[in-house]
């Protein structure tokens, strides 16, 4: 038989809920060829490590699902379902664009680097695209850290094999001025939930 609970007993549970507005994005682990290319294009490693993530005004925590297959015949009249692959969905991050347009250039030149494996000038007649090797443009230590105002608790997601696959349209108009924003869709091979150093991983 269920025991009734008083409002005073459950109020602490609902006054300690996580909020959506406290998080941090950190870009890290960019391969040297990509970092060198971005530096030539005016995007420093310091901006990437310290400022780019702070300008991310809208992020999403990653989602995952298991692909399954049905098996029949092991037991008479029974259909079993087994997981055979873990699947991940792309995420979209939105950024404020600074007055020097470094945020926009960071995203543009990252994609530009991926598709500029030919090494040719894009102004050259007969220019063609050739994709670079993944280990030249995928980052393995980009993080989204979700915390709350007291900073006592947090959950951390580390993305492995992450790179932008789309820079979304950015509307501009002659109407009332607003803060310019740029959003990009990122693909990744997998993520790790929780801190990734060995001590934290094996000790909860």
N, C-alpha and C. Protein backbone atom coordinates (compact mmCIF):
# COMPACT_ATOMS: atom_id res chain seq x y z
N UNK A 1 0.85 -1.20 0.00
CA UNK A 1 0.00 0.00 0.00
C UNK A 1 0.88 1.24 0.00
N UNK A 2 0.57 2.19 -0.89
CA UNK A 2 1.37 3.41 -0.99
C UNK A 2 1.14 4.30 0.23
N UNK A 3 2.23 4.91 0.71
CA UNK A 3 2.16 5.80 1.85
C UNK A 3 2.08 7.24 1.38
N UNK A 4 1.04 7.99 1.74
CA UNK A 4 0.94 9.40 1.30
C UNK A 4 2.14 10.20 1.81
N UNK A 5 2.61 11.13 0.97
CA UNK A 5 3.73 12.00 1.36
C UNK A 5 3.25 13.43 1.41
N UNK A 6 3.71 14.16 2.40
CA UNK A 6 3.33 15.56 2.55
C UNK A 6 4.08 16.44 1.56
N UNK A 7 3.49 17.59 1.22
CA UNK A 7 4.13 18.55 0.32
C UNK A 7 5.48 18.98 0.86
N UNK A 8 5.59 19.15 2.16
CA UNK A 8 6.85 19.58 2.77
C UNK A 8 7.95 18.53 2.59
N UNK A 9 7.56 17.27 2.40
CA UNK A 9 8.55 16.22 2.22
C UNK A 9 9.15 16.23 0.81
N UNK A 10 8.32 16.61 -0.17
CA UNK A 10 8.80 16.55 -1.55
C UNK A 10 9.22 17.90 -2.10
N UNK A 11 8.93 19.00 -1.37
CA UNK A 11 9.31 20.32 -1.86
C UNK A 11 10.81 20.45 -2.12
N UNK A 12 11.70 19.95 -1.23
CA UNK A 12 13.14 20.06 -1.51
C UNK A 12 13.55 19.41 -2.83
N UNK A 13 12.86 18.36 -3.25
CA UNK A 13 13.19 17.70 -4.51
C UNK A 13 12.97 18.63 -5.69
N UNK A 14 11.89 19.40 -5.68
CA UNK A 14 11.53 20.25 -6.80
C UNK A 14 12.10 21.65 -6.70
N UNK A 15 12.79 21.95 -5.62
CA UNK A 15 13.49 23.24 -5.53
C UNK A 15 14.98 23.09 -5.81
N UNK A 16 15.37 21.91 -6.20
CA UNK A 16 16.78 21.65 -6.53
C UNK A 16 16.90 21.04 -7.93
N UNK A 17 16.18 21.60 -8.88
CA UNK A 17 16.22 21.10 -10.25
C UNK A 17 17.26 21.84 -11.07
N UNK A 18 17.87 21.14 -12.01
CA UNK A 18 18.88 21.75 -12.87
C UNK A 18 18.23 22.77 -13.80
N UNK A 19 18.99 23.81 -14.16
CA UNK A 19 18.50 24.86 -15.04
C UNK A 19 19.24 24.83 -16.37
N UNK A 20 18.61 25.37 -17.40
CA UNK A 20 19.16 25.28 -18.74
C UNK A 20 20.22 26.32 -19.04
N UNK A 21 20.33 27.37 -18.25
CA UNK A 21 21.13 28.53 -18.64
C UNK A 21 22.57 28.51 -18.14
N UNK A 22 23.00 27.44 -17.52
CA UNK A 22 24.36 27.39 -16.99
C UNK A 22 25.12 26.25 -17.66
N UNK A 23 26.04 26.60 -18.54
CA UNK A 23 26.82 25.59 -19.26
C UNK A 23 28.06 26.27 -19.84
N UNK A 24 28.96 25.46 -20.33
CA UNK A 24 30.18 25.98 -20.96
C UNK A 24 30.58 25.06 -22.10
N UNK A 25 30.99 25.66 -23.22
CA UNK A 25 31.51 24.91 -24.36
C UNK A 25 33.00 25.18 -24.46
N UNK A 26 33.79 24.15 -24.62
CA UNK A 26 35.24 24.29 -24.75
C UNK A 26 35.72 23.54 -25.99
N UNK A 27 36.34 24.27 -26.91
CA UNK A 27 36.92 23.64 -28.08
C UNK A 27 38.37 23.26 -27.77
N UNK A 28 38.70 22.00 -27.99
CA UNK A 28 40.06 21.54 -27.71
C UNK A 28 40.43 20.38 -28.60
N UNK A 29 41.72 20.12 -28.67
CA UNK A 29 42.19 18.97 -29.42
C UNK A 29 42.14 19.13 -30.92
N UNK A 30 42.19 20.39 -31.41
CA UNK A 30 42.22 20.58 -32.86
C UNK A 30 43.56 20.10 -33.41
N UNK A 31 43.57 19.33 -34.50
CA UNK A 31 44.83 18.84 -35.07
C UNK A 31 45.72 20.00 -35.51
N UNK A 32 47.02 19.77 -35.52
CA UNK A 32 47.98 20.82 -35.88
C UNK A 32 47.73 21.40 -37.28
N UNK A 33 47.47 20.58 -38.32
CA UNK A 33 47.23 21.18 -39.63
C UNK A 33 46.06 22.15 -39.64
N UNK A 34 44.99 21.82 -38.92
CA UNK A 34 43.83 22.71 -38.84
C UNK A 34 44.18 23.97 -38.06
N UNK A 35 44.86 23.82 -36.93
CA UNK A 35 45.24 24.99 -36.12
C UNK A 35 46.14 25.94 -36.90
N UNK A 36 47.08 25.39 -37.65
CA UNK A 36 47.97 26.22 -38.44
C UNK A 36 47.21 26.97 -39.53
N UNK A 37 46.27 26.29 -40.16
CA UNK A 37 45.48 26.93 -41.22
C UNK A 37 44.63 28.06 -40.64
N UNK A 38 43.98 27.81 -39.52
CA UNK A 38 43.15 28.84 -38.89
C UNK A 38 43.99 30.03 -38.46
N UNK A 39 45.19 29.75 -37.98
CA UNK A 39 46.08 30.85 -37.56
C UNK A 39 46.45 31.72 -38.76
N UNK A 40 46.70 31.10 -39.91
CA UNK A 40 47.00 31.88 -41.12
C UNK A 40 45.82 32.74 -41.54
N UNK A 41 44.61 32.27 -41.21
CA UNK A 41 43.40 33.00 -41.58
C UNK A 41 42.97 33.98 -40.50
N UNK A 42 43.81 34.16 -39.47
CA UNK A 42 43.55 35.16 -38.45
C UNK A 42 42.82 34.68 -37.21
N UNK A 43 42.66 33.36 -37.06
CA UNK A 43 41.98 32.80 -35.89
C UNK A 43 43.02 32.13 -35.00
N UNK A 44 43.32 32.75 -33.88
CA UNK A 44 44.38 32.25 -33.01
C UNK A 44 43.91 31.10 -32.13
N UNK A 45 44.86 30.33 -31.65
CA UNK A 45 44.54 29.23 -30.73
C UNK A 45 43.93 29.77 -29.44
N UNK A 46 44.34 30.95 -29.04
CA UNK A 46 43.79 31.54 -27.81
C UNK A 46 42.30 31.85 -27.98
N UNK A 47 41.92 32.40 -29.14
CA UNK A 47 40.50 32.67 -29.38
C UNK A 47 39.70 31.38 -29.34
N UNK A 48 40.22 30.33 -29.98
CA UNK A 48 39.50 29.06 -30.02
C UNK A 48 39.33 28.48 -28.62
N UNK A 49 40.40 28.52 -27.83
CA UNK A 49 40.38 27.90 -26.51
C UNK A 49 39.61 28.71 -25.48
N UNK A 50 39.67 30.06 -25.57
CA UNK A 50 39.13 30.89 -24.50
C UNK A 50 37.83 31.60 -24.86
N UNK A 51 37.67 32.03 -26.12
CA UNK A 51 36.55 32.89 -26.47
C UNK A 51 35.44 32.21 -27.26
N UNK A 52 35.80 31.32 -28.17
CA UNK A 52 34.80 30.72 -29.05
C UNK A 52 33.70 30.02 -28.25
N UNK A 53 34.08 29.26 -27.24
CA UNK A 53 33.09 28.55 -26.44
C UNK A 53 32.22 29.48 -25.63
N UNK A 54 32.79 30.58 -25.12
CA UNK A 54 32.01 31.54 -24.35
C UNK A 54 30.96 32.24 -25.21
N UNK A 55 31.24 32.39 -26.49
CA UNK A 55 30.30 33.05 -27.40
C UNK A 55 29.19 32.11 -27.87
N UNK A 56 29.25 30.85 -27.45
CA UNK A 56 28.19 29.90 -27.81
C UNK A 56 26.98 30.16 -26.92
N UNK A 57 25.96 30.81 -27.47
CA UNK A 57 24.81 31.22 -26.67
C UNK A 57 23.69 30.18 -26.66
N UNK A 58 23.82 29.15 -27.47
CA UNK A 58 22.77 28.13 -27.52
C UNK A 58 23.40 26.79 -27.89
N UNK A 59 23.34 25.86 -26.98
CA UNK A 59 23.92 24.54 -27.21
C UNK A 59 22.90 23.47 -26.88
N UNK A 60 23.19 22.25 -27.23
CA UNK A 60 22.33 21.12 -26.89
C UNK A 60 23.20 20.01 -26.33
N UNK A 61 22.66 19.30 -25.37
CA UNK A 61 23.35 18.11 -24.88
C UNK A 61 23.08 16.98 -25.87
N UNK A 62 24.06 16.13 -26.13
CA UNK A 62 23.93 15.12 -27.18
C UNK A 62 22.93 14.03 -26.83
N UNK A 63 22.42 13.39 -27.87
CA UNK A 63 21.49 12.28 -27.68
C UNK A 63 22.06 11.04 -28.38
N UNK A 64 21.61 9.91 -27.93
CA UNK A 64 22.07 8.65 -28.51
C UNK A 64 20.94 7.65 -28.47
N UNK A 65 21.03 6.65 -29.32
CA UNK A 65 20.06 5.56 -29.30
C UNK A 65 20.75 4.29 -29.77
N UNK A 66 20.12 3.18 -29.47
CA UNK A 66 20.65 1.88 -29.86
C UNK A 66 19.86 1.34 -31.04
N UNK A 67 20.58 0.94 -32.08
CA UNK A 67 19.95 0.25 -33.20
C UNK A 67 19.74 -1.21 -32.79
N UNK A 68 18.58 -1.74 -33.10
CA UNK A 68 18.25 -3.10 -32.65
C UNK A 68 17.87 -4.00 -33.82
N UNK A 69 17.91 -5.28 -33.56
CA UNK A 69 17.49 -6.29 -34.53
C UNK A 69 16.63 -7.32 -33.81
N UNK A 70 15.64 -7.84 -34.51
CA UNK A 70 14.77 -8.85 -33.93
C UNK A 70 15.25 -10.25 -34.32
N UNK A 71 15.24 -11.12 -33.35
CA UNK A 71 15.67 -12.50 -33.55
C UNK A 71 14.51 -13.43 -33.20
N UNK A 72 14.16 -14.29 -34.11
CA UNK A 72 13.11 -15.28 -33.83
C UNK A 72 13.69 -16.68 -34.00
N UNK A 73 13.15 -17.61 -33.27
CA UNK A 73 13.56 -19.01 -33.43
C UNK A 73 14.35 -19.56 -32.27
N UNK A 74 14.93 -18.69 -31.43
CA UNK A 74 15.67 -19.22 -30.27
C UNK A 74 14.73 -19.92 -29.29
N UNK A 75 13.53 -19.33 -29.14
CA UNK A 75 12.50 -19.92 -28.27
C UNK A 75 11.19 -19.94 -29.04
N UNK A 76 10.44 -21.00 -28.93
CA UNK A 76 9.20 -21.16 -29.68
C UNK A 76 8.22 -20.05 -29.30
N UNK A 77 7.75 -19.31 -30.32
CA UNK A 77 6.74 -18.29 -30.09
C UNK A 77 7.27 -16.98 -29.51
N UNK A 78 8.58 -16.86 -29.38
CA UNK A 78 9.17 -15.67 -28.76
C UNK A 78 10.02 -14.92 -29.79
N UNK A 79 9.82 -13.60 -29.86
CA UNK A 79 10.69 -12.73 -30.65
C UNK A 79 11.52 -11.89 -29.69
N UNK A 80 12.83 -11.96 -29.83
CA UNK A 80 13.74 -11.22 -28.97
C UNK A 80 14.34 -10.04 -29.73
N UNK A 81 14.66 -9.03 -28.99
CA UNK A 81 15.28 -7.84 -29.57
C UNK A 81 16.65 -7.64 -28.95
N UNK A 82 17.66 -7.44 -29.81
CA UNK A 82 19.03 -7.24 -29.34
C UNK A 82 19.59 -5.95 -29.92
N UNK A 83 20.41 -5.29 -29.14
CA UNK A 83 21.12 -4.09 -29.62
C UNK A 83 22.34 -4.52 -30.41
N UNK A 84 22.61 -3.85 -31.55
CA UNK A 84 23.78 -4.22 -32.35
C UNK A 84 24.64 -3.01 -32.71
N UNK A 85 24.16 -1.79 -32.46
CA UNK A 85 24.98 -0.62 -32.77
C UNK A 85 24.46 0.59 -32.00
N UNK A 86 25.39 1.41 -31.55
CA UNK A 86 25.00 2.67 -30.90
C UNK A 86 25.06 3.79 -31.93
N UNK A 87 24.02 4.61 -31.98
CA UNK A 87 23.92 5.66 -32.97
C UNK A 87 23.89 7.03 -32.30
N UNK A 88 24.46 8.03 -32.98
CA UNK A 88 24.50 9.39 -32.46
C UNK A 88 23.89 10.35 -33.46
N UNK A 89 23.28 11.41 -32.95
CA UNK A 89 22.69 12.42 -33.81
C UNK A 89 23.54 13.68 -33.80
N UNK A 90 23.59 14.37 -34.94
CA UNK A 90 24.33 15.62 -35.04
C UNK A 90 23.77 16.63 -34.03
N UNK A 91 24.61 17.57 -33.63
CA UNK A 91 24.17 18.64 -32.74
C UNK A 91 24.39 19.99 -33.42
N UNK A 92 23.60 20.97 -33.05
CA UNK A 92 23.73 22.32 -33.59
C UNK A 92 24.10 23.28 -32.46
N UNK A 93 25.14 24.08 -32.69
CA UNK A 93 25.58 25.08 -31.74
C UNK A 93 25.40 26.46 -32.37
N UNK A 94 24.88 27.40 -31.59
CA UNK A 94 24.67 28.77 -32.07
C UNK A 94 25.61 29.71 -31.32
N UNK A 95 26.20 30.65 -32.06
CA UNK A 95 27.21 31.54 -31.50
C UNK A 95 26.84 33.00 -31.73
N UNK A 96 27.18 33.86 -30.75
CA UNK A 96 27.18 35.29 -30.99
C UNK A 96 28.38 35.60 -31.89
N UNK A 97 28.18 36.51 -32.84
CA UNK A 97 29.27 36.92 -33.72
C UNK A 97 29.88 38.21 -33.18
N UNK A 98 31.18 38.19 -32.89
CA UNK A 98 31.86 39.37 -32.36
C UNK A 98 32.07 40.41 -33.46
N UNK A 99 32.46 41.62 -33.07
CA UNK A 99 32.60 42.72 -34.02
C UNK A 99 33.72 42.49 -35.03
N UNK A 100 34.67 41.62 -34.70
CA UNK A 100 35.73 41.27 -35.65
C UNK A 100 35.38 40.05 -36.49
N UNK A 101 34.19 39.51 -36.28
CA UNK A 101 33.67 38.37 -37.04
C UNK A 101 34.54 37.12 -36.90
N UNK A 102 35.26 37.02 -35.79
CA UNK A 102 36.12 35.84 -35.60
C UNK A 102 35.32 34.57 -35.46
N UNK A 103 34.16 34.66 -34.80
CA UNK A 103 33.33 33.47 -34.64
C UNK A 103 32.91 32.92 -35.98
N UNK A 104 32.43 33.81 -36.85
CA UNK A 104 31.99 33.38 -38.17
C UNK A 104 33.16 32.85 -38.99
N UNK A 105 34.30 33.53 -38.90
CA UNK A 105 35.48 33.09 -39.64
C UNK A 105 35.99 31.74 -39.13
N UNK A 106 35.89 31.52 -37.84
CA UNK A 106 36.30 30.24 -37.25
C UNK A 106 35.53 29.09 -37.89
N UNK A 107 34.22 29.24 -37.99
CA UNK A 107 33.39 28.19 -38.57
C UNK A 107 33.61 28.07 -40.08
N UNK A 108 33.64 29.22 -40.76
CA UNK A 108 33.83 29.22 -42.22
C UNK A 108 35.17 28.58 -42.61
N UNK A 109 36.23 28.99 -41.94
CA UNK A 109 37.56 28.52 -42.33
C UNK A 109 37.80 27.07 -41.91
N UNK A 110 37.11 26.62 -40.87
CA UNK A 110 37.19 25.20 -40.50
C UNK A 110 36.62 24.35 -41.64
N UNK A 111 35.43 24.70 -42.11
CA UNK A 111 34.83 23.98 -43.23
C UNK A 111 35.67 24.16 -44.50
N UNK A 112 36.18 25.36 -44.70
CA UNK A 112 37.03 25.64 -45.86
C UNK A 112 38.26 24.75 -45.87
N UNK A 113 38.86 24.56 -44.71
CA UNK A 113 40.05 23.70 -44.59
C UNK A 113 39.72 22.26 -44.97
N UNK A 114 38.57 21.77 -44.51
CA UNK A 114 38.19 20.38 -44.78
C UNK A 114 38.09 20.12 -46.29
N UNK A 115 37.54 21.10 -47.02
CA UNK A 115 37.28 20.90 -48.44
C UNK A 115 38.39 21.44 -49.34
N UNK A 116 39.49 21.92 -48.75
CA UNK A 116 40.55 22.54 -49.54
C UNK A 116 41.79 21.66 -49.61
N UNK A 117 41.57 20.35 -49.70
CA UNK A 117 42.69 19.43 -49.74
C UNK A 117 43.53 19.54 -51.00
N UNK A 118 42.99 20.19 -52.03
CA UNK A 118 43.76 20.34 -53.27
C UNK A 118 44.91 21.32 -53.10
N UNK A 119 44.78 22.25 -52.14
CA UNK A 119 45.82 23.25 -51.92
C UNK A 119 45.81 24.37 -52.94
N UNK A 120 44.87 24.33 -53.87
CA UNK A 120 44.79 25.36 -54.91
C UNK A 120 44.07 26.60 -54.39
N UNK A 121 44.32 27.73 -55.03
CA UNK A 121 43.59 28.95 -54.69
C UNK A 121 42.16 28.83 -55.18
N UNK A 122 41.16 29.17 -54.35
CA UNK A 122 39.77 29.08 -54.81
C UNK A 122 39.45 30.07 -55.91
N UNK A 123 40.33 31.05 -56.14
CA UNK A 123 40.12 32.02 -57.21
C UNK A 123 40.62 31.50 -58.56
N UNK A 124 41.34 30.39 -58.53
CA UNK A 124 41.93 29.85 -59.74
C UNK A 124 40.85 29.24 -60.64
N UNK A 125 40.93 29.50 -61.93
CA UNK A 125 40.00 28.90 -62.87
C UNK A 125 40.22 27.39 -62.89
N UNK A 126 39.14 26.66 -62.86
CA UNK A 126 39.24 25.20 -62.82
C UNK A 126 39.48 24.67 -61.42
N UNK A 127 39.22 25.52 -60.40
CA UNK A 127 39.40 25.07 -59.01
C UNK A 127 38.51 23.87 -58.73
N UNK A 128 39.00 22.95 -57.92
CA UNK A 128 38.21 21.77 -57.57
C UNK A 128 38.38 21.49 -56.08
N UNK A 129 37.41 20.78 -55.53
CA UNK A 129 37.42 20.43 -54.11
C UNK A 129 38.00 19.03 -53.93
N UNK A 130 38.80 18.90 -52.89
CA UNK A 130 39.28 17.58 -52.48
C UNK A 130 39.30 17.55 -50.97
N UNK A 131 38.65 16.58 -50.39
CA UNK A 131 38.53 16.52 -48.94
C UNK A 131 39.83 16.05 -48.28
N UNK A 132 40.10 16.61 -47.14
CA UNK A 132 41.28 16.19 -46.38
C UNK A 132 40.99 14.92 -45.59
N UNK A 133 42.04 14.32 -45.08
CA UNK A 133 41.89 13.13 -44.26
C UNK A 133 41.28 13.51 -42.91
N UNK A 134 40.43 12.67 -42.35
CA UNK A 134 39.74 13.00 -41.09
C UNK A 134 40.66 13.38 -39.95
N UNK A 135 41.84 12.74 -39.86
CA UNK A 135 42.71 13.06 -38.72
C UNK A 135 43.32 14.45 -38.82
N UNK A 136 43.07 15.15 -39.94
CA UNK A 136 43.56 16.51 -40.09
C UNK A 136 42.55 17.56 -39.63
N UNK A 137 41.25 17.18 -39.53
CA UNK A 137 40.25 18.20 -39.22
C UNK A 137 39.29 17.83 -38.08
N UNK A 138 39.34 16.61 -37.58
CA UNK A 138 38.45 16.23 -36.49
C UNK A 138 39.08 16.56 -35.14
N UNK A 139 38.27 17.13 -34.24
CA UNK A 139 38.74 17.41 -32.89
C UNK A 139 38.26 16.31 -31.94
N UNK A 140 39.11 15.95 -30.99
CA UNK A 140 38.78 14.84 -30.09
C UNK A 140 38.51 15.27 -28.65
N UNK A 141 38.62 16.56 -28.34
CA UNK A 141 38.45 16.97 -26.95
C UNK A 141 37.57 18.21 -26.81
N UNK A 142 36.62 18.39 -27.69
CA UNK A 142 35.64 19.45 -27.50
C UNK A 142 34.63 18.99 -26.45
N UNK A 143 34.28 19.90 -25.54
CA UNK A 143 33.43 19.52 -24.41
C UNK A 143 32.24 20.46 -24.27
N UNK A 144 31.14 19.92 -23.76
CA UNK A 144 30.04 20.71 -23.23
C UNK A 144 29.90 20.33 -21.76
N UNK A 145 30.04 21.31 -20.90
CA UNK A 145 29.95 21.07 -19.45
C UNK A 145 28.68 21.74 -18.94
N UNK A 146 27.78 20.96 -18.39
CA UNK A 146 26.52 21.49 -17.84
C UNK A 146 26.63 21.54 -16.33
N UNK A 147 26.43 22.73 -15.76
CA UNK A 147 26.52 22.91 -14.32
C UNK A 147 25.39 23.84 -13.88
N UNK A 148 25.35 24.16 -12.60
CA UNK A 148 24.34 25.08 -12.09
C UNK A 148 24.99 26.18 -11.28
N UNK A 149 24.16 27.06 -10.74
CA UNK A 149 24.68 28.28 -10.12
C UNK A 149 25.67 28.01 -8.99
N UNK A 150 25.48 26.93 -8.27
CA UNK A 150 26.37 26.67 -7.14
C UNK A 150 27.67 25.98 -7.55
N UNK A 151 27.77 25.50 -8.80
CA UNK A 151 28.96 24.84 -9.33
C UNK A 151 29.33 23.56 -8.58
N UNK A 152 28.46 23.09 -7.69
CA UNK A 152 28.79 21.90 -6.91
C UNK A 152 28.70 20.62 -7.74
N UNK A 153 27.77 20.59 -8.67
CA UNK A 153 27.56 19.39 -9.47
C UNK A 153 27.58 19.76 -10.95
N UNK A 154 28.01 18.83 -11.76
CA UNK A 154 28.05 19.08 -13.19
C UNK A 154 28.04 17.75 -13.93
N UNK A 155 27.72 17.83 -15.22
CA UNK A 155 27.84 16.67 -16.10
C UNK A 155 28.61 17.13 -17.32
N UNK A 156 29.53 16.32 -17.76
CA UNK A 156 30.47 16.72 -18.82
C UNK A 156 30.36 15.74 -20.00
N UNK A 157 30.34 16.32 -21.20
CA UNK A 157 30.31 15.50 -22.42
C UNK A 157 31.54 15.84 -23.25
N UNK A 158 32.32 14.83 -23.58
CA UNK A 158 33.50 15.01 -24.42
C UNK A 158 33.25 14.34 -25.77
N UNK A 159 33.42 15.13 -26.84
CA UNK A 159 33.12 14.63 -28.18
C UNK A 159 34.40 14.14 -28.86
N UNK A 160 34.31 12.97 -29.44
CA UNK A 160 35.42 12.35 -30.16
C UNK A 160 35.11 12.39 -31.66
N UNK A 161 36.06 12.88 -32.45
CA UNK A 161 35.87 12.92 -33.90
C UNK A 161 34.84 13.94 -34.33
N UNK A 162 34.88 15.13 -33.75
CA UNK A 162 33.86 16.16 -34.02
C UNK A 162 34.34 17.14 -35.08
N UNK A 163 33.44 17.56 -35.96
CA UNK A 163 33.75 18.56 -36.97
C UNK A 163 32.46 19.15 -37.53
N UNK A 164 32.48 20.37 -38.05
CA UNK A 164 31.26 20.98 -38.59
C UNK A 164 30.91 20.41 -39.95
N UNK A 165 29.65 20.10 -40.15
CA UNK A 165 29.19 19.59 -41.45
C UNK A 165 28.30 20.60 -42.17
N UNK A 166 27.84 21.63 -41.47
CA UNK A 166 26.99 22.63 -42.11
C UNK A 166 27.07 23.94 -41.35
N UNK A 167 27.24 25.02 -42.09
CA UNK A 167 27.13 26.37 -41.54
C UNK A 167 25.78 26.89 -42.00
N UNK A 168 24.88 27.11 -41.07
CA UNK A 168 23.50 27.42 -41.42
C UNK A 168 23.33 28.88 -41.85
N UNK A 169 22.27 29.16 -42.58
CA UNK A 169 22.01 30.49 -43.11
C UNK A 169 21.94 31.53 -41.99
N UNK A 170 22.47 32.72 -42.26
CA UNK A 170 22.51 33.80 -41.28
C UNK A 170 21.73 34.98 -41.85
N UNK A 171 20.52 35.22 -41.37
CA UNK A 171 19.73 36.33 -41.93
C UNK A 171 20.24 37.69 -41.49
N UNK A 172 20.28 38.64 -42.41
CA UNK A 172 20.58 40.05 -42.12
C UNK A 172 19.52 40.89 -42.83
N UNK A 173 19.15 42.04 -42.24
CA UNK A 173 18.12 42.87 -42.83
C UNK A 173 18.26 44.30 -42.35
N UNK A 174 17.48 45.20 -42.95
CA UNK A 174 17.52 46.62 -42.61
C UNK A 174 16.58 46.98 -41.47
N UNK A 175 15.98 46.01 -40.84
CA UNK A 175 15.07 46.29 -39.73
C UNK A 175 15.81 46.65 -38.46
N UNK A 176 15.15 46.43 -37.33
CA UNK A 176 15.75 46.73 -36.03
C UNK A 176 17.00 45.88 -35.83
N UNK A 177 18.09 46.53 -35.42
CA UNK A 177 19.36 45.82 -35.25
C UNK A 177 19.29 44.86 -34.07
N UNK A 178 19.81 43.68 -34.28
CA UNK A 178 19.92 42.66 -33.25
C UNK A 178 21.33 42.10 -33.27
N UNK A 179 21.66 41.34 -32.25
CA UNK A 179 22.97 40.71 -32.21
C UNK A 179 23.05 39.65 -33.30
N UNK A 180 24.11 39.71 -34.10
CA UNK A 180 24.28 38.73 -35.18
C UNK A 180 24.68 37.38 -34.59
N UNK A 181 24.04 36.34 -35.09
CA UNK A 181 24.32 34.99 -34.59
C UNK A 181 24.62 34.06 -35.76
N UNK A 182 25.48 33.10 -35.51
CA UNK A 182 25.82 32.09 -36.52
C UNK A 182 25.67 30.72 -35.87
N UNK A 183 25.08 29.80 -36.60
CA UNK A 183 24.93 28.44 -36.06
C UNK A 183 25.52 27.43 -37.03
N UNK A 184 26.05 26.38 -36.47
CA UNK A 184 26.66 25.32 -37.28
C UNK A 184 26.23 23.97 -36.73
N UNK A 185 26.09 23.02 -37.63
CA UNK A 185 25.76 21.65 -37.25
C UNK A 185 27.04 20.83 -37.23
N UNK A 186 27.23 20.08 -36.15
CA UNK A 186 28.45 19.30 -35.96
C UNK A 186 28.13 17.81 -35.94
N UNK A 187 28.97 17.05 -36.61
CA UNK A 187 28.91 15.60 -36.56
C UNK A 187 30.03 15.10 -35.65
N UNK A 188 29.85 13.95 -35.04
CA UNK A 188 30.91 13.38 -34.20
C UNK A 188 30.80 11.86 -34.22
N UNK A 189 31.91 11.21 -33.96
CA UNK A 189 31.95 9.75 -33.98
C UNK A 189 31.28 9.16 -32.74
N UNK A 190 31.52 9.78 -31.60
CA UNK A 190 30.94 9.31 -30.34
C UNK A 190 31.18 10.37 -29.29
N UNK A 191 30.57 10.20 -28.14
CA UNK A 191 30.86 11.08 -27.00
C UNK A 191 31.03 10.24 -25.74
N UNK A 192 31.69 10.83 -24.78
CA UNK A 192 31.87 10.20 -23.47
C UNK A 192 31.16 11.07 -22.45
N UNK A 193 30.23 10.50 -21.70
CA UNK A 193 29.52 11.23 -20.65
C UNK A 193 30.29 11.08 -19.35
N UNK A 194 30.64 12.20 -18.73
CA UNK A 194 31.44 12.18 -17.51
C UNK A 194 32.87 12.59 -17.82
N UNK A 195 33.63 12.88 -16.79
CA UNK A 195 35.01 13.31 -16.98
C UNK A 195 35.83 12.17 -17.57
N UNK A 196 36.79 12.54 -18.41
CA UNK A 196 37.50 11.52 -19.18
C UNK A 196 38.88 11.18 -18.63
N UNK A 197 39.34 11.86 -17.58
CA UNK A 197 40.62 11.45 -17.02
C UNK A 197 40.42 10.10 -16.32
N UNK A 198 41.49 9.31 -16.27
CA UNK A 198 41.37 7.93 -15.82
C UNK A 198 40.88 7.83 -14.38
N UNK A 199 41.30 8.75 -13.50
CA UNK A 199 40.86 8.68 -12.11
C UNK A 199 39.36 8.86 -12.00
N UNK A 200 38.82 9.88 -12.69
CA UNK A 200 37.39 10.15 -12.62
C UNK A 200 36.59 9.03 -13.27
N UNK A 201 37.09 8.48 -14.38
CA UNK A 201 36.35 7.48 -15.14
C UNK A 201 36.17 6.21 -14.32
N UNK A 202 37.21 5.81 -13.63
CA UNK A 202 37.14 4.53 -12.91
C UNK A 202 36.73 4.70 -11.44
N UNK A 203 36.52 5.95 -11.00
CA UNK A 203 36.12 6.16 -9.62
C UNK A 203 34.83 6.97 -9.52
N UNK A 204 34.05 6.95 -10.62
CA UNK A 204 32.75 7.59 -10.60
C UNK A 204 32.85 9.08 -10.72
